[in-house]
Amino acid sequence: MQAPKSTVLALTLIALASAPAIAQTSKKGPPPAPAATSKATFDKLDKNKDGAIDAQEAKADARLAGQFAKLDANGDGKLSRVEFSAAK
């Protein structure tokens, strides 16, 4: 009867010892902050790197293209970073 108890104990200790290693490999780190994601998205959409997203560039993102006129607060045909940050 002693052999099964010691086997169970050994297996339990092995499982407990390896749990931190398993948990560590499954973590991917914290998600990027919304501002960082927004900046990265803006930079990706601003193909000509003029600091604004025009209607043509906005077409690369269907959701943004659908909101473009509403977000273009000053009506200049481009979204500044401030106008872009209002997108939901």
C-alpha atoms as a PDB file:
ATOM      1  CA  MET A   1       0.000   0.000   0.000  1.00  0.00           C
ATOM      2  CA  GLN A   2       2.933   2.336   0.591  1.00  0.00           C
ATOM      3  CA  ALA A   3       4.069   2.278  -3.045  1.00  0.00           C
ATOM      4  CA  PRO A   4       0.901   3.868  -4.465  1.00  0.00           C
ATOM      5  CA  LYS A   5       0.910   6.658  -1.825  1.00  0.00           C
ATOM      6  CA  SER A   6       4.539   7.523  -2.498  1.00  0.00           C
ATOM      7  CA  THR A   7       3.913   7.446  -6.244  1.00  0.00           C
ATOM      8  CA  VAL A   8       0.981   9.829  -5.888  1.00  0.00           C
ATOM      9  CA  LEU A   9       3.051  12.092  -3.667  1.00  0.00           C
ATOM     10  CA  ALA A  10       5.939  12.110  -6.157  1.00  0.00           C
ATOM     11  CA  LEU A  11       3.636  12.895  -9.076  1.00  0.00           C
ATOM     12  CA  THR A  12       1.955  15.677  -7.109  1.00  0.00           C
ATOM     13  CA  LEU A  13       5.311  17.255  -6.265  1.00  0.00           C
ATOM     14  CA  ILE A  14       6.395  17.078  -9.910  1.00  0.00           C
ATOM     15  CA  ALA A  15       3.144  18.695 -11.046  1.00  0.00           C
ATOM     16  CA  LEU A  16       3.425  21.483  -8.486  1.00  0.00           C
ATOM     17  CA  ALA A  17       7.055  22.120  -9.343  1.00  0.00           C
ATOM     18  CA  SER A  18       6.335  22.442 -13.069  1.00  0.00           C
ATOM     19  CA  ALA A  19       3.222  24.645 -12.734  1.00  0.00           C
ATOM     20  CA  PRO A  20       5.123  27.986 -12.656  1.00  0.00           C
ATOM     21  CA  ALA A  21       7.018  27.081 -15.813  1.00  0.00           C
ATOM     22  CA  ILE A  22       3.814  26.171 -17.621  1.00  0.00           C
ATOM     23  CA  ALA A  23       2.068  29.337 -16.448  1.00  0.00           C
ATOM     24  CA  GLN A  24       5.006  31.470 -17.503  1.00  0.00           C
ATOM     25  CA  THR A  25       5.054  30.194 -21.073  1.00  0.00           C
ATOM     26  CA  SER A  26       1.343  30.833 -21.591  1.00  0.00           C
ATOM     27  CA  LYS A  27       1.528  34.558 -20.751  1.00  0.00           C
ATOM     28  CA  LYS A  28       1.940  36.938 -23.639  1.00  0.00           C
ATOM     29  CA  GLY A  29       2.273  40.111 -21.602  1.00  0.00           C
ATOM     30  CA  PRO A  30      -0.161  42.960 -21.182  1.00  0.00           C
ATOM     31  CA  PRO A  31      -2.133  44.184 -24.174  1.00  0.00           C
ATOM     32  CA  PRO A  32      -0.913  47.417 -25.721  1.00  0.00           C
ATOM     33  CA  ALA A  33      -2.399  50.577 -24.302  1.00  0.00           C
ATOM     34  CA  PRO A  34      -5.237  52.040 -26.398  1.00  0.00           C
ATOM     35  CA  ALA A  35      -3.192  55.146 -27.180  1.00  0.00           C
ATOM     36  CA  ALA A  36      -0.311  53.044 -28.474  1.00  0.00           C
ATOM     37  CA  THR A  37      -2.656  50.975 -30.615  1.00  0.00           C
ATOM     38  CA  SER A  38      -4.329  54.097 -31.921  1.00  0.00           C
ATOM     39  CA  LYS A  39      -0.974  55.683 -32.806  1.00  0.00           C
ATOM     40  CA  ALA A  40       0.196  52.523 -34.550  1.00  0.00           C
ATOM     41  CA  THR A  41      -3.057  52.282 -36.498  1.00  0.00           C
ATOM     42  CA  PHE A  42      -2.912  55.955 -37.473  1.00  0.00           C
ATOM     43  CA  ASP A  43       0.688  55.583 -38.655  1.00  0.00           C
ATOM     44  CA  LYS A  44      -0.215  52.462 -40.650  1.00  0.00           C
ATOM     45  CA  LEU A  45      -3.161  54.164 -42.374  1.00  0.00           C
ATOM     46  CA  ASP A  46      -1.227  57.386 -43.099  1.00  0.00           C
ATOM     47  CA  LYS A  47       0.460  55.897 -46.168  1.00  0.00           C
ATOM     48  CA  ASN A  48       1.977  59.151 -47.457  1.00  0.00           C
ATOM     49  CA  LYS A  49       3.198  60.120 -43.965  1.00  0.00           C
ATOM     50  CA  ASP A  50       1.789  63.638 -44.131  1.00  0.00           C
ATOM     51  CA  GLY A  51       0.412  63.463 -40.586  1.00  0.00           C
ATOM     52  CA  ALA A  52      -3.210  63.063 -41.678  1.00  0.00           C
ATOM     53  CA  ILE A  53      -5.470  60.344 -43.075  1.00  0.00           C
ATOM     54  CA  ASP A  54      -7.341  61.347 -46.206  1.00  0.00           C
ATOM     55  CA  ALA A  55     -10.492  59.644 -47.519  1.00  0.00           C
ATOM     56  CA  GLN A  56      -8.489  57.377 -49.848  1.00  0.00           C
ATOM     57  CA  GLU A  57      -6.234  56.193 -47.032  1.00  0.00           C
ATOM     58  CA  ALA A  58      -9.249  55.661 -44.759  1.00  0.00           C
ATOM     59  CA  LYS A  59     -10.686  53.135 -47.222  1.00  0.00           C
ATOM     60  CA  ALA A  60      -8.121  50.619 -45.927  1.00  0.00           C
ATOM     61  CA  ASP A  61     -10.263  50.391 -42.768  1.00  0.00           C
ATOM     62  CA  ALA A  62     -13.956  49.837 -43.537  1.00  0.00           C
ATOM     63  CA  ARG A  63     -15.117  51.046 -40.122  1.00  0.00           C
ATOM     64  CA  LEU A  64     -13.070  54.234 -40.363  1.00  0.00           C
ATOM     65  CA  ALA A  65     -14.216  54.869 -43.924  1.00  0.00           C
ATOM     66  CA  GLY A  66     -17.833  54.638 -42.758  1.00  0.00           C
ATOM     67  CA  GLN A  67     -17.241  57.272 -40.063  1.00  0.00           C
ATOM     68  CA  PHE A  68     -14.892  59.499 -42.050  1.00  0.00           C
ATOM     69  CA  ALA A  69     -17.260  62.414 -42.757  1.00  0.00           C
ATOM     70  CA  LYS A  70     -18.468  62.491 -39.160  1.00  0.00           C
ATOM     71  CA  LEU A  71     -14.925  62.394 -37.765  1.00  0.00           C
ATOM     72  CA  ASP A  72     -13.627  65.117 -40.117  1.00  0.00           C
ATOM     73  CA  ALA A  73     -14.682  67.846 -37.686  1.00  0.00           C
ATOM     74  CA  ASN A  74     -13.175  70.769 -39.601  1.00  0.00           C
ATOM     75  CA  GLY A  75     -14.286  69.487 -43.025  1.00  0.00           C
ATOM     76  CA  ASP A  76     -10.830  69.665 -44.623  1.00  0.00           C
ATOM     77  CA  GLY A  77     -11.071  66.170 -46.117  1.00  0.00           C
ATOM     78  CA  LYS A  78      -8.406  64.763 -43.784  1.00  0.00           C
ATOM     79  CA  LEU A  79      -8.356  63.301 -40.307  1.00  0.00           C
ATOM     80  CA  SER A  80      -5.793  64.699 -37.914  1.00  0.00           C
ATOM     81  CA  ARG A  81      -4.562  62.557 -35.030  1.00  0.00           C
ATOM     82  CA  VAL A  82      -7.036  64.344 -32.755  1.00  0.00           C
ATOM     83  CA  GLU A  83      -9.964  63.706 -35.116  1.00  0.00           C
ATOM     84  CA  PHE A  84      -8.843  60.085 -35.600  1.00  0.00           C
ATOM     85  CA  SER A  85      -8.701  59.512 -31.844  1.00  0.00           C
ATOM     86  CA  ALA A  86     -12.460  60.218 -31.673  1.00  0.00           C
ATOM     87  CA  ALA A  87     -13.153  57.069 -33.733  1.00  0.00           C
ATOM     88  CA  LYS A  88     -14.830  54.258 -31.820  1.00  0.00           C
END
